[in-house]
Amino acid sequence: MPKKKIGYKVVHVRRYHYSSALPVLATNLQYFKSKWTTPKKGDGPMAVFTNSNDAFRFRHSTSKVIFKCEYYPSKKRYLKSGNRIARHDLPMGTDFATRVRLIEKVR
């Protein structure tokens, strides 16, 4: 398994959980602070940002929150949800993760 890294996840705030703010593929994954999130069976890796500057540039709405996160990098270089795949038009600084854990709110 690849070495764990630190990155940043931009999320929408929901009532009891968080969901990805990246609109490329709607996966309906739920993120919780301090718990590992993995893609649904058959789906590909999840998107994270490698640095806070790119995460802040992407977060253009106050309804979105940035978390520092731990993640395991994926060898796959695309996002996949069901039959949909996204390889292009991803925000600058995007990395791909097999598992993500939200650590602390940055903003």
Protein backbone atom coordinates (compact mmCIF):
# COMPACT_ATOMS: atom_id res chain seq x y z
CA MET A 1 0.00 0.00 0.00
CA PRO A 2 1.31 3.49 -0.85
CA LYS A 3 2.49 5.73 1.95
CA LYS A 4 -0.11 7.92 3.66
CA LYS A 5 -0.03 11.63 2.72
CA ILE A 6 -1.50 14.88 4.03
CA GLY A 7 -3.79 16.85 1.73
CA TYR A 8 -6.93 18.98 1.73
CA LYS A 9 -10.55 18.06 1.02
CA VAL A 10 -13.17 20.65 0.06
CA VAL A 11 -16.61 19.56 1.22
CA HIS A 12 -20.21 20.72 1.51
CA VAL A 13 -21.57 20.82 5.03
CA ARG A 14 -24.56 18.54 5.53
CA ARG A 15 -26.54 18.01 8.71
CA TYR A 16 -24.52 15.10 10.17
CA HIS A 17 -21.78 14.58 7.60
CA TYR A 18 -19.86 16.19 4.74
CA SER A 19 -19.97 15.49 0.99
CA SER A 20 -17.46 16.21 -1.75
CA ALA A 21 -17.64 19.67 -3.28
CA LEU A 22 -16.08 18.56 -6.57
CA PRO A 23 -18.98 18.66 -9.05
CA VAL A 24 -17.29 16.55 -11.76
CA LEU A 25 -18.93 13.32 -10.56
CA ALA A 26 -21.67 13.18 -7.97
CA THR A 27 -20.88 10.11 -5.85
CA ASN A 28 -23.00 10.76 -2.75
CA LEU A 29 -20.13 9.63 -0.53
CA GLN A 30 -20.40 10.73 3.07
CA TYR A 31 -17.33 12.01 4.91
CA PHE A 32 -17.05 12.22 8.68
CA LYS A 33 -14.34 13.83 10.77
CA SER A 34 -11.74 11.30 12.03
CA LYS A 35 -13.22 8.37 10.05
CA TRP A 36 -11.87 6.76 6.87
CA THR A 37 -14.00 7.07 3.73
CA THR A 38 -13.52 4.74 0.77
CA PRO A 39 -15.17 4.73 -2.66
CA LYS A 40 -18.28 2.67 -3.19
CA LYS A 41 -17.76 -0.75 -4.75
CA GLY A 42 -17.03 -0.36 -8.47
CA ASP A 43 -16.19 3.33 -8.20
CA GLY A 44 -12.74 4.81 -8.65
CA PRO A 45 -10.55 6.98 -6.45
CA MET A 46 -11.64 10.13 -4.64
CA ALA A 47 -10.27 13.63 -5.26
CA VAL A 48 -8.18 15.59 -2.76
CA PHE A 49 -5.95 18.64 -3.09
CA THR A 50 -2.22 18.33 -2.53
CA ASN A 51 -1.92 21.83 -1.05
CA SER A 52 -4.06 24.38 0.72
CA ASN A 53 -3.59 27.14 -1.90
CA ASP A 54 -5.32 25.10 -4.61
CA ALA A 55 -8.05 24.08 -2.16
CA PHE A 56 -8.68 27.75 -1.26
CA ARG A 57 -8.82 28.72 -4.95
CA PHE A 58 -11.38 25.99 -5.58
CA ARG A 59 -13.55 26.88 -2.57
CA HIS A 60 -15.47 29.78 -4.09
CA SER A 61 -18.51 29.51 -1.84
CA THR A 62 -18.97 29.94 1.89
CA SER A 63 -21.13 26.81 1.93
CA LYS A 64 -17.94 24.81 1.33
CA VAL A 65 -15.45 23.94 4.06
CA ILE A 66 -11.81 22.90 3.76
CA PHE A 67 -10.46 20.08 5.90
CA LYS A 68 -6.88 18.98 6.27
CA CYS A 69 -6.98 15.26 5.57
CA GLU A 70 -4.93 12.11 5.50
CA TYR A 71 -5.13 10.02 2.36
CA TYR A 72 -3.62 7.05 0.62
CA PRO A 73 -2.69 7.93 -2.99
CA SER A 74 -4.22 5.90 -5.78
CA LYS A 75 -2.32 4.57 -8.77
CA LYS A 76 -5.38 5.37 -10.87
CA ARG A 77 -5.29 8.89 -12.31
CA TYR A 78 -9.00 9.50 -12.89
CA LEU A 79 -12.28 9.74 -11.00
CA LYS A 80 -14.97 7.11 -11.57
CA SER A 81 -18.57 6.87 -10.42
CA GLY A 82 -20.71 4.16 -11.98
CA ASN A 83 -20.17 4.34 -15.74
CA ARG A 84 -18.84 7.91 -15.67
CA ILE A 85 -15.11 8.67 -15.74
CA ALA A 86 -13.41 12.06 -15.37
CA ARG A 87 -9.78 12.48 -16.42
CA HIS A 88 -9.73 16.09 -17.59
CA ASP A 89 -11.03 19.42 -16.35
CA LEU A 90 -10.07 18.68 -12.77
CA PRO A 91 -8.94 21.59 -10.58
CA MET A 92 -5.24 22.39 -10.29
CA GLY A 93 -3.60 20.46 -7.45
CA THR A 94 -5.98 17.47 -7.62
CA ASP A 95 -4.61 14.15 -6.44
CA PHE A 96 -6.41 10.80 -6.31
CA ALA A 97 -7.02 8.78 -3.15
CA THR A 98 -8.12 5.27 -2.27
CA ARG A 99 -9.02 6.33 1.30
CA VAL A 100 -9.58 9.75 2.90
CA ARG A 101 -9.89 10.78 6.57
CA LEU A 102 -10.85 14.35 7.50
CA ILE A 103 -8.58 15.57 10.30
CA GLU A 104 -9.35 19.20 11.11
CA LYS A 105 -11.27 22.10 9.64
CA VAL A 106 -8.95 24.63 8.03
CA ARG A 107 -11.64 27.11 6.97
